[in-house]
Structures are given as structure tokens and as C-alpha cells.
Amino acid sequence: MLSGAAVVILLLGGFLAVRFHSGSDRGDRLASADQLDSFERAEADRRAEAAAADRSAVRIEPSPSDSPSGAPSSPAPTPSSSPSAKPSTKPRSSPAAVAPAKVSSSGTCGVSYYDTGSTTANGESFDPDGLTAAHKTFKFGTKVRVTNPANDKSVVVRINDRGPFVSGRCLDLARGAFVQISSVNAGVINARYEVLA
């Protein structure tokens, strides 16, 4: 099926061709040729305008040259940064989602600190500022949570030494761990401990 423009072109072309061939003088032929050139120029302009309209209808985002100020326009927001974008339902892992450690045993006793020595009972270099502790029988590497009930502060220490060898005390924390839950001026505190499995 021919478009309206194609029908007009065919009809006009046929009319001009008939007039061109049937005309008896040179003036008629020149007038027909001029009309044909004028029509072809008008048709070419119409096609260029239609193509430009099609390109602008498909364009998603204007190029920097289309901006009236000449400044580059900002890119369109991506779906993830759009305020109306649907939030992701995929679960995110976070430290809060980690299951709490199980407690295998607990108790209350006197807890002190120490900050001297060079080597611990398991052969490590002693770090007075570390989060380590001494216990008489707990296996080396055992994690113990120590809580000061006076202020509810707690610290998790790793057993790497033996002691304390003073009656009434069950844990001797490195100074770095002790200051997490109490002042060194206290010297000894009554604390709760939980052995973490």
C-alpha cells in the first residue's frame, strides 16, 4: 500500500512528464523542470524533518550539544539510585545476623590483671595490651567473656597463660583486656565469666 506522499509524487510526476512531453515550446519545458526541482527540494526537506522527528522521539537522553546552555546534562538516574526503585529483597549479611556464641559454662570470681612477663605458658610473647588471660585449667585458645556487673562492660579474652595463683581469683587478664571493663586502680574486681563454645 502506497503512502499519501508516494501517491502525490507519482501523480505529480506523471502530470509533469505529460506536460513536459506535450508542451510545444521550450518555455513550458523549462517551467516544468523548475517545478520538478522545487518539488524535489520540498520533498527532501520534508523527509529530513521527519527523520529528525523520529530521532528525537527515540532519544532517551539529550546529548551535551542539545543543552541550551552548552553545559553537559546530568545522566539519567539508574534504577538502583532512583528514589522510586523497588528495594532489594535479597537478604544482606551483617554482623548482627551472626548467631551469638554458645556458652558452655559460666561463673563468678575475682578477676585481676597483670602487665609483666615476657613469655606466656603456651610459648607466645606476652603482650600487656592484648586481649588475653591466664586461667589455671582452661585449654589454651579458649575464649572467655568477662563482664563487670558494676558497669555491665564486657570483654572477650583468649586463654594463653596459667594463673592466677591467689586464693579467690580465677582469671588474670592482660592489662589491655582489664581496662576494657574496669580501671586499673581497682586492681581486683568481682566479675562474671562465660566460657564460649
N, C-alpha and C. Protein backbone atom coordinates (compact mmCIF):
# COMPACT_ATOMS: atom_id res chain seq x y z
N MET A 1 0.86 -1.20 0.00
CA MET A 1 0.00 0.00 0.00
C MET A 1 0.88 1.23 0.00
N LEU A 2 0.59 2.17 -0.90
CA LEU A 2 1.41 3.37 -1.03
C LEU A 2 0.95 4.43 -0.04
N SER A 3 1.93 5.19 0.49
CA SER A 3 1.57 6.28 1.39
C SER A 3 1.04 7.45 0.59
N GLY A 4 0.41 8.38 1.28
CA GLY A 4 -0.14 9.57 0.62
C GLY A 4 0.92 10.36 -0.12
N ALA A 5 2.13 10.46 0.48
CA ALA A 5 3.22 11.22 -0.16
C ALA A 5 3.64 10.55 -1.44
N ALA A 6 3.68 9.19 -1.44
CA ALA A 6 4.11 8.47 -2.64
C ALA A 6 3.09 8.67 -3.77
N VAL A 7 1.80 8.67 -3.43
CA VAL A 7 0.76 8.86 -4.44
C VAL A 7 0.87 10.26 -5.03
N VAL A 8 1.10 11.26 -4.18
CA VAL A 8 1.24 12.65 -4.67
C VAL A 8 2.44 12.75 -5.60
N ILE A 9 3.55 12.08 -5.22
CA ILE A 9 4.76 12.14 -6.05
C ILE A 9 4.48 11.50 -7.40
N LEU A 10 3.81 10.33 -7.39
CA LEU A 10 3.52 9.64 -8.65
C LEU A 10 2.60 10.48 -9.53
N LEU A 11 1.55 11.03 -8.92
CA LEU A 11 0.61 11.84 -9.71
C LEU A 11 1.28 13.09 -10.27
N LEU A 12 2.01 13.77 -9.42
CA LEU A 12 2.68 15.00 -9.86
C LEU A 12 3.73 14.68 -10.91
N GLY A 13 4.47 13.57 -10.68
CA GLY A 13 5.49 13.18 -11.67
C GLY A 13 4.85 12.87 -13.01
N GLY A 14 3.73 12.14 -12.97
CA GLY A 14 3.04 11.82 -14.23
C GLY A 14 2.53 13.07 -14.91
N PHE A 15 1.97 13.98 -14.12
CA PHE A 15 1.46 15.23 -14.69
C PHE A 15 2.58 16.04 -15.34
N LEU A 16 3.70 16.13 -14.64
CA LEU A 16 4.82 16.92 -15.18
C LEU A 16 5.40 16.26 -16.42
N ALA A 17 5.47 14.90 -16.38
CA ALA A 17 6.03 14.20 -17.54
C ALA A 17 5.14 14.42 -18.76
N VAL A 18 3.81 14.32 -18.56
CA VAL A 18 2.88 14.53 -19.68
C VAL A 18 3.01 15.95 -20.18
N ARG A 19 3.06 16.90 -19.24
CA ARG A 19 3.15 18.29 -19.64
C ARG A 19 4.48 18.56 -20.34
N PHE A 20 5.54 17.92 -19.84
CA PHE A 20 6.87 18.14 -20.41
C PHE A 20 6.89 17.63 -21.86
N HIS A 21 6.32 16.45 -22.08
CA HIS A 21 6.36 15.87 -23.43
C HIS A 21 5.34 16.54 -24.36
N SER A 22 4.21 16.96 -23.81
CA SER A 22 3.18 17.51 -24.70
C SER A 22 3.39 18.99 -24.97
N GLY A 23 4.21 19.65 -24.14
CA GLY A 23 4.43 21.08 -24.36
C GLY A 23 5.10 21.34 -25.69
N SER A 24 4.71 22.38 -26.38
CA SER A 24 5.26 22.63 -27.70
C SER A 24 6.43 23.57 -27.68
N ASP A 25 6.50 24.39 -26.67
CA ASP A 25 7.63 25.33 -26.71
C ASP A 25 8.59 25.07 -25.55
N ARG A 26 9.75 25.64 -25.68
CA ARG A 26 10.85 25.45 -24.73
C ARG A 26 10.52 26.04 -23.37
N GLY A 27 9.73 27.09 -23.29
CA GLY A 27 9.36 27.75 -22.05
C GLY A 27 8.56 26.84 -21.14
N ASP A 28 7.63 26.07 -21.74
CA ASP A 28 6.85 25.13 -20.94
C ASP A 28 7.77 24.08 -20.33
N ARG A 29 8.75 23.57 -21.13
CA ARG A 29 9.65 22.54 -20.63
C ARG A 29 10.50 23.07 -19.49
N LEU A 30 10.98 24.29 -19.58
CA LEU A 30 11.79 24.88 -18.52
C LEU A 30 10.97 25.08 -17.26
N ALA A 31 9.71 25.55 -17.43
CA ALA A 31 8.85 25.76 -16.27
C ALA A 31 8.59 24.43 -15.57
N SER A 32 8.36 23.35 -16.34
CA SER A 32 8.11 22.04 -15.73
C SER A 32 9.34 21.55 -15.00
N ALA A 33 10.52 21.74 -15.58
CA ALA A 33 11.76 21.31 -14.94
C ALA A 33 11.98 22.08 -13.65
N ASP A 34 11.71 23.37 -13.63
CA ASP A 34 11.86 24.18 -12.42
C ASP A 34 10.89 23.72 -11.34
N GLN A 35 9.64 23.44 -11.75
CA GLN A 35 8.66 22.96 -10.78
C GLN A 35 9.08 21.62 -10.18
N LEU A 36 9.64 20.74 -11.07
CA LEU A 36 10.08 19.44 -10.59
C LEU A 36 11.22 19.60 -9.58
N ASP A 37 12.22 20.46 -9.87
CA ASP A 37 13.31 20.71 -8.93
C ASP A 37 12.78 21.26 -7.61
N SER A 38 11.82 22.19 -7.68
CA SER A 38 11.26 22.79 -6.48
C SER A 38 10.53 21.73 -5.65
N PHE A 39 9.79 20.86 -6.33
CA PHE A 39 9.06 19.80 -5.63
C PHE A 39 10.06 18.84 -4.97
N GLU A 40 11.11 18.47 -5.69
CA GLU A 40 12.11 17.53 -5.13
C GLU A 40 12.79 18.13 -3.90
N ARG A 41 13.10 19.44 -3.96
CA ARG A 41 13.73 20.09 -2.80
C ARG A 41 12.77 20.09 -1.61
N ALA A 42 11.49 20.40 -1.86
CA ALA A 42 10.50 20.42 -0.77
C ALA A 42 10.33 19.02 -0.17
N GLU A 43 10.31 18.00 -1.06
CA GLU A 43 10.16 16.62 -0.57
C GLU A 43 11.39 16.21 0.25
N ALA A 44 12.60 16.60 -0.18
CA ALA A 44 13.82 16.27 0.57
C ALA A 44 13.81 16.95 1.94
N ASP A 45 13.34 18.22 1.99
CA ASP A 45 13.23 18.91 3.27
C ASP A 45 12.24 18.21 4.20
N ARG A 46 11.09 17.78 3.62
CA ARG A 46 10.08 17.10 4.43
C ARG A 46 10.65 15.79 5.00
N ARG A 47 11.39 15.03 4.20
CA ARG A 47 11.97 13.78 4.68
C ARG A 47 13.00 14.03 5.77
N ALA A 48 13.81 15.07 5.62
CA ALA A 48 14.82 15.40 6.64
C ALA A 48 14.14 15.76 7.96
N GLU A 49 13.04 16.54 7.90
CA GLU A 49 12.31 16.91 9.12
C GLU A 49 11.70 15.68 9.79
N ALA A 50 11.15 14.77 8.97
CA ALA A 50 10.53 13.55 9.52
C ALA A 50 11.59 12.68 10.19
N ALA A 51 12.77 12.57 9.56
CA ALA A 51 13.86 11.76 10.15
C ALA A 51 14.33 12.37 11.45
N ALA A 52 14.43 13.72 11.49
CA ALA A 52 14.85 14.39 12.73
C ALA A 52 13.82 14.17 13.84
N ALA A 53 12.52 14.21 13.47
CA ALA A 53 11.47 13.97 14.48
C ALA A 53 11.55 12.54 15.00
N ASP A 54 11.83 11.58 14.11
CA ASP A 54 11.97 10.17 14.55
C ASP A 54 13.14 10.01 15.49
N ARG A 55 14.27 10.64 15.17
CA ARG A 55 15.46 10.52 16.05
C ARG A 55 15.18 11.12 17.41
N SER A 56 14.49 12.26 17.47
CA SER A 56 14.23 12.88 18.78
C SER A 56 13.22 12.09 19.58
N ALA A 57 12.33 11.37 18.89
CA ALA A 57 11.34 10.57 19.62
C ALA A 57 11.99 9.35 20.26
N VAL A 58 13.07 8.80 19.65
CA VAL A 58 13.72 7.61 20.19
C VAL A 58 14.80 7.96 21.19
N ARG A 59 15.34 9.18 21.14
CA ARG A 59 16.45 9.55 22.03
C ARG A 59 15.99 9.54 23.47
N ILE A 60 16.75 8.87 24.34
CA ILE A 60 16.41 8.75 25.77
C ILE A 60 16.96 9.94 26.54
N GLU A 61 18.13 10.34 26.19
CA GLU A 61 18.78 11.38 26.99
C GLU A 61 19.45 12.35 26.04
N PRO A 62 19.30 13.67 26.23
CA PRO A 62 19.89 14.63 25.30
C PRO A 62 21.40 14.63 25.39
N SER A 63 22.03 14.88 24.24
CA SER A 63 23.48 14.98 24.25
C SER A 63 23.88 16.35 24.76
N PRO A 64 25.15 16.54 25.17
CA PRO A 64 25.58 17.85 25.68
C PRO A 64 25.34 18.99 24.69
N SER A 65 25.39 18.69 23.37
CA SER A 65 25.20 19.76 22.40
C SER A 65 23.74 20.20 22.33
N ASP A 66 22.79 19.35 22.80
CA ASP A 66 21.38 19.73 22.78
C ASP A 66 21.02 20.66 23.92
N SER A 67 21.88 20.76 24.93
CA SER A 67 21.59 21.60 26.10
C SER A 67 21.63 23.06 25.70
N PRO A 68 20.62 23.87 26.08
CA PRO A 68 20.61 25.28 25.68
C PRO A 68 21.80 26.06 26.19
N SER A 69 22.32 25.70 27.35
CA SER A 69 23.44 26.46 27.90
C SER A 69 24.78 25.95 27.39
N GLY A 70 24.75 24.79 26.69
CA GLY A 70 26.01 24.24 26.20
C GLY A 70 26.69 23.38 27.24
N ALA A 71 26.16 23.35 28.47
CA ALA A 71 26.77 22.56 29.53
C ALA A 71 26.26 21.14 29.42
N PRO A 72 27.09 20.14 29.72
CA PRO A 72 26.63 18.76 29.64
C PRO A 72 25.52 18.52 30.65
N SER A 73 24.52 17.78 30.20
CA SER A 73 23.42 17.48 31.11
C SER A 73 23.78 16.30 31.98
N SER A 74 23.13 16.19 33.13
CA SER A 74 23.46 15.10 34.04
C SER A 74 22.81 13.83 33.53
N PRO A 75 23.46 12.67 33.74
CA PRO A 75 22.90 11.42 33.24
C PRO A 75 21.63 11.06 33.97
N ALA A 76 20.80 10.30 33.27
CA ALA A 76 19.54 9.85 33.89
C ALA A 76 19.87 8.91 35.03
N PRO A 77 19.09 8.93 36.12
CA PRO A 77 19.39 8.04 37.24
C PRO A 77 19.19 6.59 36.85
N THR A 78 20.03 5.74 37.38
CA THR A 78 19.90 4.30 37.15
C THR A 78 18.81 3.78 38.07
N PRO A 79 18.24 2.62 37.74
CA PRO A 79 17.18 2.10 38.60
C PRO A 79 17.59 1.93 40.06
N SER A 80 18.87 1.60 40.31
CA SER A 80 19.28 1.37 41.69
C SER A 80 19.39 2.66 42.49
N SER A 81 19.61 3.81 41.78
CA SER A 81 19.74 5.06 42.52
C SER A 81 18.45 5.87 42.52
N SER A 82 17.43 5.38 41.82
CA SER A 82 16.17 6.11 41.75
C SER A 82 15.42 5.98 43.07
N PRO A 83 14.87 7.10 43.58
CA PRO A 83 14.14 7.02 44.84
C PRO A 83 12.90 6.14 44.73
N SER A 84 12.35 5.97 43.51
CA SER A 84 11.15 5.16 43.37
C SER A 84 11.48 3.71 43.05
N ALA A 85 12.77 3.37 42.98
CA ALA A 85 13.14 1.99 42.65
C ALA A 85 12.72 1.05 43.77
N LYS A 86 12.31 -0.15 43.36
CA LYS A 86 11.85 -1.14 44.35
C LYS A 86 13.06 -1.62 45.15
N PRO A 87 12.98 -1.61 46.47
CA PRO A 87 14.12 -2.04 47.27
C PRO A 87 14.39 -3.52 47.07
N SER A 88 15.65 -3.87 47.17
CA SER A 88 16.06 -5.27 47.01
C SER A 88 15.53 -6.10 48.17
N THR A 89 15.02 -7.28 47.83
CA THR A 89 14.53 -8.17 48.88
C THR A 89 15.58 -9.21 49.24
N LYS A 90 16.75 -9.15 48.60
CA LYS A 90 17.81 -10.11 48.89
C LYS A 90 18.37 -9.83 50.29
N PRO A 91 18.44 -10.85 51.14
CA PRO A 91 18.95 -10.61 52.50
C PRO A 91 20.43 -10.24 52.47
N ARG A 92 20.79 -9.30 53.31
CA ARG A 92 22.18 -8.87 53.40
C ARG A 92 22.78 -9.44 54.67
N SER A 93 24.03 -9.88 54.54
CA SER A 93 24.68 -10.41 55.74
C SER A 93 25.25 -9.24 56.53
N SER A 94 25.11 -9.30 57.82
CA SER A 94 25.63 -8.25 58.68
C SER A 94 26.11 -8.89 59.96
N PRO A 95 26.98 -8.19 60.69
CA PRO A 95 27.47 -8.76 61.95
C PRO A 95 26.33 -9.09 62.91
N ALA A 96 25.23 -8.32 62.86
CA ALA A 96 24.11 -8.57 63.77
C ALA A 96 23.42 -9.89 63.44
N ALA A 97 23.54 -10.34 62.15
CA ALA A 97 22.87 -11.56 61.74
C ALA A 97 23.62 -12.81 62.19
N VAL A 98 24.87 -12.66 62.64
CA VAL A 98 25.65 -13.81 63.08
C VAL A 98 25.09 -14.32 64.40
N ALA A 99 24.94 -15.62 64.48
CA ALA A 99 24.37 -16.21 65.70
C ALA A 99 25.32 -15.98 66.87
N PRO A 100 24.79 -15.67 68.05
CA PRO A 100 25.65 -15.45 69.21
C PRO A 100 26.36 -16.75 69.60
N ALA A 101 27.54 -16.58 70.19
CA ALA A 101 28.32 -17.75 70.60
C ALA A 101 27.61 -18.47 71.74
N LYS A 102 27.72 -19.79 71.73
CA LYS A 102 27.10 -20.58 72.79
C LYS A 102 28.00 -20.55 74.01
N VAL A 103 27.39 -20.55 75.16
CA VAL A 103 28.13 -20.54 76.43
C VAL A 103 28.13 -21.97 76.97
N SER A 104 29.34 -22.52 77.18
CA SER A 104 29.43 -23.90 77.68
C SER A 104 29.46 -23.96 79.20
N SER A 105 29.97 -22.91 79.85
CA SER A 105 29.93 -22.85 81.33
C SER A 105 30.10 -21.40 81.75
N SER A 106 29.73 -21.09 82.99
CA SER A 106 29.84 -19.72 83.48
C SER A 106 30.01 -19.75 85.00
N GLY A 107 30.35 -18.59 85.54
CA GLY A 107 30.53 -18.49 86.98
C GLY A 107 30.90 -17.08 87.38
N THR A 108 31.18 -16.88 88.66
CA THR A 108 31.59 -15.58 89.20
C THR A 108 32.83 -15.81 90.06
N CYS A 109 33.78 -14.87 89.92
CA CYS A 109 35.01 -14.98 90.72
C CYS A 109 35.76 -13.67 90.72
N GLY A 110 36.84 -13.63 91.44
CA GLY A 110 37.71 -12.45 91.45
C GLY A 110 38.56 -12.44 90.18
N VAL A 111 38.64 -11.28 89.54
CA VAL A 111 39.42 -11.11 88.31
C VAL A 111 40.42 -9.99 88.54
N SER A 112 41.68 -10.30 88.25
CA SER A 112 42.74 -9.30 88.41
C SER A 112 43.42 -9.09 87.05
N TYR A 113 44.51 -8.30 87.05
CA TYR A 113 45.25 -8.09 85.80
C TYR A 113 46.73 -8.20 86.09
N TYR A 114 47.49 -8.39 85.00
CA TYR A 114 48.95 -8.36 85.11
C TYR A 114 49.52 -7.72 83.85
N ASP A 115 50.71 -7.13 83.99
CA ASP A 115 51.34 -6.46 82.85
C ASP A 115 52.84 -6.69 82.77
N THR A 116 53.31 -7.73 83.44
CA THR A 116 54.74 -8.05 83.37
C THR A 116 54.92 -9.49 82.90
N GLY A 117 56.07 -9.77 82.39
CA GLY A 117 56.39 -11.10 81.87
C GLY A 117 56.84 -10.98 80.44
N SER A 118 57.49 -12.01 79.96
CA SER A 118 57.99 -11.97 78.58
C SER A 118 57.37 -13.07 77.73
N THR A 119 57.11 -14.23 78.32
CA THR A 119 56.55 -15.35 77.56
C THR A 119 55.40 -15.96 78.35
N THR A 120 54.32 -16.30 77.64
CA THR A 120 53.16 -16.91 78.31
C THR A 120 53.38 -18.43 78.39
N ALA A 121 52.51 -19.10 79.12
CA ALA A 121 52.65 -20.55 79.33
C ALA A 121 52.53 -21.36 78.03
N ASN A 122 51.86 -20.82 77.02
CA ASN A 122 51.76 -21.57 75.76
C ASN A 122 52.89 -21.23 74.79
N GLY A 123 53.86 -20.40 75.25
CA GLY A 123 55.04 -20.08 74.43
C GLY A 123 54.95 -18.80 73.63
N GLU A 124 53.82 -18.07 73.70
CA GLU A 124 53.70 -16.79 72.99
C GLU A 124 54.46 -15.70 73.74
N SER A 125 54.82 -14.65 73.01
CA SER A 125 55.36 -13.45 73.66
C SER A 125 54.20 -12.76 74.36
N PHE A 126 54.42 -12.36 75.61
CA PHE A 126 53.35 -11.71 76.37
C PHE A 126 53.15 -10.28 75.87
N ASP A 127 51.89 -9.95 75.60
CA ASP A 127 51.52 -8.59 75.18
C ASP A 127 50.66 -7.99 76.28
N PRO A 128 51.19 -7.05 77.07
CA PRO A 128 50.40 -6.49 78.17
C PRO A 128 49.15 -5.74 77.70
N ASP A 129 49.15 -5.30 76.42
CA ASP A 129 47.98 -4.58 75.89
C ASP A 129 47.04 -5.50 75.11
N GLY A 130 47.30 -6.79 75.10
CA GLY A 130 46.47 -7.73 74.34
C GLY A 130 45.19 -8.11 75.06
N LEU A 131 44.31 -8.81 74.33
CA LEU A 131 43.06 -9.30 74.89
C LEU A 131 43.23 -10.78 75.22
N THR A 132 44.10 -11.04 76.18
CA THR A 132 44.42 -12.40 76.59
C THR A 132 44.26 -12.52 78.10
N ALA A 133 44.32 -13.78 78.60
CA ALA A 133 44.15 -14.00 80.04
C ALA A 133 44.81 -15.31 80.45
N ALA A 134 44.98 -15.41 81.75
CA ALA A 134 45.53 -16.64 82.35
C ALA A 134 44.43 -17.31 83.17
N HIS A 135 44.39 -18.66 83.08
CA HIS A 135 43.49 -19.47 83.89
C HIS A 135 44.24 -20.74 84.28
N LYS A 136 43.89 -21.32 85.41
CA LYS A 136 44.64 -22.48 85.89
C LYS A 136 44.42 -23.72 85.03
N THR A 137 43.21 -23.93 84.51
CA THR A 137 42.94 -25.19 83.81
C THR A 137 42.32 -25.09 82.42
N PHE A 138 41.75 -23.96 82.05
CA PHE A 138 41.11 -23.86 80.73
C PHE A 138 42.14 -24.13 79.64
N LYS A 139 41.69 -24.82 78.61
CA LYS A 139 42.56 -25.16 77.47
C LYS A 139 43.05 -23.87 76.78
N PHE A 140 44.31 -23.88 76.33
CA PHE A 140 44.83 -22.71 75.60
C PHE A 140 43.98 -22.48 74.34
N GLY A 141 43.68 -21.21 74.09
CA GLY A 141 42.85 -20.83 72.94
C GLY A 141 41.38 -20.68 73.29
N THR A 142 40.99 -21.11 74.51
CA THR A 142 39.59 -20.97 74.92
C THR A 142 39.22 -19.49 74.98
N LYS A 143 38.02 -19.17 74.45
CA LYS A 143 37.52 -17.78 74.51
C LYS A 143 36.60 -17.66 75.71
N VAL A 144 36.83 -16.59 76.50
CA VAL A 144 36.04 -16.36 77.71
C VAL A 144 35.54 -14.92 77.69
N ARG A 145 34.22 -14.75 77.89
CA ARG A 145 33.65 -13.41 78.00
C ARG A 145 33.63 -13.05 79.49
N VAL A 146 34.27 -11.91 79.82
CA VAL A 146 34.34 -11.45 81.21
C VAL A 146 33.53 -10.17 81.31
N THR A 147 32.56 -10.13 82.24
CA THR A 147 31.67 -8.98 82.39
C THR A 147 31.79 -8.41 83.80
N ASN A 148 31.93 -7.10 83.86
CA ASN A 148 31.96 -6.40 85.14
C ASN A 148 30.52 -6.01 85.49
N PRO A 149 29.90 -6.63 86.49
CA PRO A 149 28.50 -6.31 86.81
C PRO A 149 28.30 -4.89 87.30
N ALA A 150 29.35 -4.24 87.76
CA ALA A 150 29.22 -2.87 88.27
C ALA A 150 28.89 -1.88 87.15
N ASN A 151 29.35 -2.17 85.93
CA ASN A 151 29.08 -1.23 84.83
C ASN A 151 28.56 -1.94 83.57
N ASP A 152 28.40 -3.22 83.62
CA ASP A 152 27.91 -4.05 82.50
C ASP A 152 28.85 -4.06 81.30
N LYS A 153 30.09 -3.66 81.47
CA LYS A 153 31.07 -3.72 80.37
C LYS A 153 31.63 -5.13 80.32
N SER A 154 31.88 -5.60 79.08
CA SER A 154 32.43 -6.94 78.95
C SER A 154 33.54 -6.95 77.90
N VAL A 155 34.37 -7.98 77.97
CA VAL A 155 35.47 -8.17 77.03
C VAL A 155 35.63 -9.67 76.81
N VAL A 156 35.99 -10.04 75.58
CA VAL A 156 36.25 -11.46 75.29
C VAL A 156 37.76 -11.62 75.21
N VAL A 157 38.27 -12.57 76.01
CA VAL A 157 39.72 -12.81 76.06
C VAL A 157 40.02 -14.24 75.60
N ARG A 158 41.25 -14.46 75.22
CA ARG A 158 41.73 -15.78 74.81
C ARG A 158 42.72 -16.27 75.86
N ILE A 159 42.53 -17.49 76.33
CA ILE A 159 43.42 -18.05 77.34
C ILE A 159 44.73 -18.48 76.68
N ASN A 160 45.84 -17.90 77.15
CA ASN A 160 47.16 -18.27 76.63
C ASN A 160 48.20 -18.41 77.74
N ASP A 161 47.74 -18.34 79.01
CA ASP A 161 48.70 -18.39 80.13
C ASP A 161 48.05 -19.11 81.30
N ARG A 162 48.85 -19.41 82.31
CA ARG A 162 48.36 -20.08 83.52
C ARG A 162 48.42 -19.13 84.71
N GLY A 163 47.43 -19.25 85.59
CA GLY A 163 47.32 -18.40 86.77
C GLY A 163 45.88 -18.01 86.95
N PRO A 164 45.54 -17.15 87.84
CA PRO A 164 46.38 -16.61 88.92
C PRO A 164 46.49 -17.63 90.05
N PHE A 165 47.54 -17.51 90.78
CA PHE A 165 47.78 -18.44 91.88
C PHE A 165 47.53 -17.75 93.22
N VAL A 166 46.40 -17.04 93.30
CA VAL A 166 45.99 -16.34 94.52
C VAL A 166 44.58 -16.83 94.85
N SER A 167 44.33 -17.13 96.08
CA SER A 167 43.03 -17.65 96.51
C SER A 167 41.91 -16.65 96.19
N GLY A 168 40.78 -17.17 95.65
CA GLY A 168 39.61 -16.35 95.35
C GLY A 168 39.62 -15.74 93.96
N ARG A 169 40.70 -15.87 93.23
CA ARG A 169 40.76 -15.32 91.86
C ARG A 169 40.80 -16.49 90.87
N CYS A 170 40.05 -16.33 89.79
CA CYS A 170 40.05 -17.40 88.78
C CYS A 170 40.63 -16.96 87.44
N LEU A 171 40.69 -15.66 87.19
CA LEU A 171 41.23 -15.15 85.92
C LEU A 171 42.18 -13.99 86.19
N ASP A 172 43.24 -13.99 85.41
CA ASP A 172 44.20 -12.89 85.44
C ASP A 172 44.26 -12.34 84.01
N LEU A 173 43.68 -11.16 83.80
CA LEU A 173 43.62 -10.58 82.45
C LEU A 173 44.87 -9.78 82.16
N ALA A 174 45.29 -9.77 80.89
CA ALA A 174 46.32 -8.82 80.47
C ALA A 174 45.75 -7.43 80.70
N ARG A 175 46.61 -6.47 81.01
CA ARG A 175 46.14 -5.11 81.32
C ARG A 175 45.23 -4.55 80.24
N GLY A 176 45.56 -4.79 78.96
CA GLY A 176 44.75 -4.28 77.84
C GLY A 176 43.32 -4.76 77.88
N ALA A 177 43.11 -6.00 78.35
CA ALA A 177 41.75 -6.53 78.47
C ALA A 177 41.06 -5.98 79.71
N PHE A 178 41.81 -5.86 80.81
CA PHE A 178 41.22 -5.41 82.07
C PHE A 178 40.68 -3.99 81.96
N VAL A 179 41.41 -3.11 81.27
CA VAL A 179 40.96 -1.70 81.18
C VAL A 179 39.71 -1.56 80.31
N GLN A 180 39.33 -2.61 79.57
CA GLN A 180 38.09 -2.57 78.79
C GLN A 180 36.86 -2.62 79.71
N ILE A 181 37.05 -3.17 80.92
CA ILE A 181 35.89 -3.35 81.80
C ILE A 181 36.02 -2.64 83.15
N SER A 182 37.23 -2.17 83.48
CA SER A 182 37.42 -1.51 84.78
C SER A 182 38.69 -0.67 84.76
N SER A 183 38.85 0.14 85.77
CA SER A 183 40.07 0.93 85.92
C SER A 183 41.15 0.07 86.56
N VAL A 184 42.40 0.28 86.16
CA VAL A 184 43.49 -0.50 86.77
C VAL A 184 43.63 -0.17 88.25
N ASN A 185 43.12 0.97 88.65
CA ASN A 185 43.18 1.34 90.07
C ASN A 185 42.38 0.38 90.94
N ALA A 186 41.37 -0.28 90.33
CA ALA A 186 40.56 -1.23 91.10
C ALA A 186 41.39 -2.44 91.51
N GLY A 187 42.34 -2.82 90.64
CA GLY A 187 43.20 -3.96 90.96
C GLY A 187 42.51 -5.30 90.80
N VAL A 188 41.47 -5.56 91.57
CA VAL A 188 40.71 -6.82 91.51
C VAL A 188 39.23 -6.47 91.52
N ILE A 189 38.46 -7.15 90.67
CA ILE A 189 37.00 -6.94 90.65
C ILE A 189 36.31 -8.29 90.76
N ASN A 190 35.12 -8.27 91.23
CA ASN A 190 34.30 -9.48 91.24
C ASN A 190 33.55 -9.47 89.90
N ALA A 191 33.81 -10.45 89.02
CA ALA A 191 33.26 -10.43 87.66
C ALA A 191 32.57 -11.74 87.32
N ARG A 192 31.76 -11.67 86.29
CA ARG A 192 31.09 -12.86 85.78
C ARG A 192 31.87 -13.32 84.55
N TYR A 193 32.07 -14.62 84.40
CA TYR A 193 32.75 -15.14 83.22
C TYR A 193 31.87 -16.17 82.53
N GLU A 194 31.99 -16.24 81.21
CA GLU A 194 31.26 -17.22 80.42
C GLU A 194 32.25 -17.84 79.43
N VAL A 195 32.37 -19.14 79.46
CA VAL A 195 33.24 -19.85 78.53
C VAL A 195 32.45 -20.05 77.24
N LEU A 196 33.00 -19.54 76.13
CA LEU A 196 32.29 -19.58 74.84
C LEU A 196 32.69 -20.83 74.08
N ALA A 197 31.69 -21.58 73.62
CA ALA A 197 31.96 -22.82 72.89
C ALA A 197 32.33 -22.53 71.44
